[in-house]
């Protein structure tokens, strides 16, 4: 009869859980990166409408970012 090594199975379980946790953190940071950096840049590029200047442009930009973050996260 084989001797069961509980130490290695516990280590494997901890490693499996930490890999899952890492993937969760990586997924969240990826979404955060999109929400804070990539999407605002796309908004700035897309929203370069000469008729929108000053406060109207700022409010429209803030609304687009808020809607994206709310929907995406």
C-alpha atoms as a PDB file:
ATOM      1  CA  UNK A   1       0.000   0.000   0.000  1.00  0.00           C
ATOM      2  CA  UNK A   2       1.327   3.434  -0.956  1.00  0.00           C
ATOM      3  CA  UNK A   3       2.040   5.988   1.678  1.00  0.00           C
ATOM      4  CA  UNK A   4       0.035   9.183   1.077  1.00  0.00           C
ATOM      5  CA  UNK A   5       2.067  12.366   1.307  1.00  0.00           C
ATOM      6  CA  UNK A   6      -0.313  14.966   2.692  1.00  0.00           C
ATOM      7  CA  UNK A   7       2.324  17.702   2.624  1.00  0.00           C
ATOM      8  CA  UNK A   8       2.605  17.753  -1.158  1.00  0.00           C
ATOM      9  CA  UNK A   9      -1.160  17.574  -1.686  1.00  0.00           C
ATOM     10  CA  UNK A  10      -1.689  20.539   0.665  1.00  0.00           C
ATOM     11  CA  UNK A  11       1.065  22.422  -1.143  1.00  0.00           C
ATOM     12  CA  UNK A  12      -0.597  21.628  -4.493  1.00  0.00           C
ATOM     13  CA  UNK A  13      -3.952  22.852  -3.175  1.00  0.00           C
ATOM     14  CA  UNK A  14      -2.409  26.110  -1.912  1.00  0.00           C
ATOM     15  CA  UNK A  15      -0.651  26.648  -5.244  1.00  0.00           C
ATOM     16  CA  UNK A  16      -3.882  25.970  -7.145  1.00  0.00           C
ATOM     17  CA  UNK A  17      -5.765  28.491  -4.998  1.00  0.00           C
ATOM     18  CA  UNK A  18      -3.025  31.103  -5.364  1.00  0.00           C
ATOM     19  CA  UNK A  19      -3.043  30.671  -9.152  1.00  0.00           C
ATOM     20  CA  UNK A  20      -6.810  31.281  -9.138  1.00  0.00           C
ATOM     21  CA  UNK A  21      -6.307  34.338  -6.960  1.00  0.00           C
ATOM     22  CA  UNK A  22      -3.587  35.588  -9.297  1.00  0.00           C
ATOM     23  CA  UNK A  23      -5.894  35.199 -12.293  1.00  0.00           C
ATOM     24  CA  UNK A  24      -8.624  37.130 -10.475  1.00  0.00           C
ATOM     25  CA  UNK A  25      -6.226  39.949  -9.614  1.00  0.00           C
ATOM     26  CA  UNK A  26      -4.839  39.965 -13.158  1.00  0.00           C
ATOM     27  CA  UNK A  27      -8.360  40.154 -14.593  1.00  0.00           C
ATOM     28  CA  UNK A  28      -9.286  43.051 -12.278  1.00  0.00           C
ATOM     29  CA  UNK A  29      -6.083  44.987 -13.006  1.00  0.00           C
ATOM     30  CA  UNK A  30      -6.643  44.438 -16.719  1.00  0.00           C
ATOM     31  CA  UNK A  31     -10.104  45.954 -16.447  1.00  0.00           C
ATOM     32  CA  UNK A  32      -8.739  48.780 -14.323  1.00  0.00           C
ATOM     33  CA  UNK A  33      -6.060  49.459 -16.941  1.00  0.00           C
ATOM     34  CA  UNK A  34      -8.720  49.633 -19.655  1.00  0.00           C
ATOM     35  CA  UNK A  35     -10.974  51.862 -17.589  1.00  0.00           C
ATOM     36  CA  UNK A  36      -8.297  54.325 -16.489  1.00  0.00           C
ATOM     37  CA  UNK A  37      -5.887  54.537 -19.423  1.00  0.00           C
ATOM     38  CA  UNK A  38      -6.951  52.991 -22.712  1.00  0.00           C
ATOM     39  CA  UNK A  39     -10.612  54.005 -22.836  1.00  0.00           C
ATOM     40  CA  UNK A  40     -10.049  57.684 -21.893  1.00  0.00           C
ATOM     41  CA  UNK A  41      -7.446  57.924 -24.654  1.00  0.00           C
ATOM     42  CA  UNK A  42      -9.932  56.479 -27.119  1.00  0.00           C
ATOM     43  CA  UNK A  43     -12.550  58.950 -25.880  1.00  0.00           C
ATOM     44  CA  UNK A  44     -10.165  61.851 -26.350  1.00  0.00           C
ATOM     45  CA  UNK A  45      -9.323  60.694 -29.872  1.00  0.00           C
ATOM     46  CA  UNK A  46     -12.968  60.066 -30.830  1.00  0.00           C
ATOM     47  CA  UNK A  47     -14.446  63.150 -29.159  1.00  0.00           C
ATOM     48  CA  UNK A  48     -12.268  65.718 -30.914  1.00  0.00           C
ATOM     49  CA  UNK A  49     -15.337  67.528 -32.186  1.00  0.00           C
ATOM     50  CA  UNK A  50     -14.612  71.226 -32.806  1.00  0.00           C
ATOM     51  CA  UNK A  51     -18.167  72.190 -31.847  1.00  0.00           C
ATOM     52  CA  UNK A  52     -17.620  70.839 -28.325  1.00  0.00           C
ATOM     53  CA  UNK A  53     -15.394  73.172 -26.379  1.00  0.00           C
ATOM     54  CA  UNK A  54     -14.895  74.029 -22.740  1.00  0.00           C
ATOM     55  CA  UNK A  55     -17.236  72.678 -20.109  1.00  0.00           C
ATOM     56  CA  UNK A  56     -19.518  70.849 -22.548  1.00  0.00           C
ATOM     57  CA  UNK A  57     -16.578  68.761 -23.769  1.00  0.00           C
ATOM     58  CA  UNK A  58     -15.431  68.013 -20.217  1.00  0.00           C
ATOM     59  CA  UNK A  59     -18.916  66.925 -19.129  1.00  0.00           C
ATOM     60  CA  UNK A  60     -19.379  64.750 -22.211  1.00  0.00           C
ATOM     61  CA  UNK A  61     -16.009  63.116 -21.654  1.00  0.00           C
ATOM     62  CA  UNK A  62     -16.771  62.485 -17.961  1.00  0.00           C
ATOM     63  CA  UNK A  63     -20.147  60.978 -18.899  1.00  0.00           C
ATOM     64  CA  UNK A  64     -18.545  58.624 -21.463  1.00  0.00           C
ATOM     65  CA  UNK A  65     -15.903  57.454 -19.000  1.00  0.00           C
ATOM     66  CA  UNK A  66     -18.486  56.941 -16.249  1.00  0.00           C
ATOM     67  CA  UNK A  67     -20.769  54.921 -18.542  1.00  0.00           C
ATOM     68  CA  UNK A  68     -17.881  52.773 -19.739  1.00  0.00           C
ATOM     69  CA  UNK A  69     -16.559  52.062 -16.246  1.00  0.00           C
ATOM     70  CA  UNK A  70     -20.064  51.314 -14.963  1.00  0.00           C
ATOM     71  CA  UNK A  71     -20.802  48.908 -17.843  1.00  0.00           C
ATOM     72  CA  UNK A  72     -17.380  47.292 -18.082  1.00  0.00           C
ATOM     73  CA  UNK A  73     -16.583  46.689 -14.431  1.00  0.00           C
END
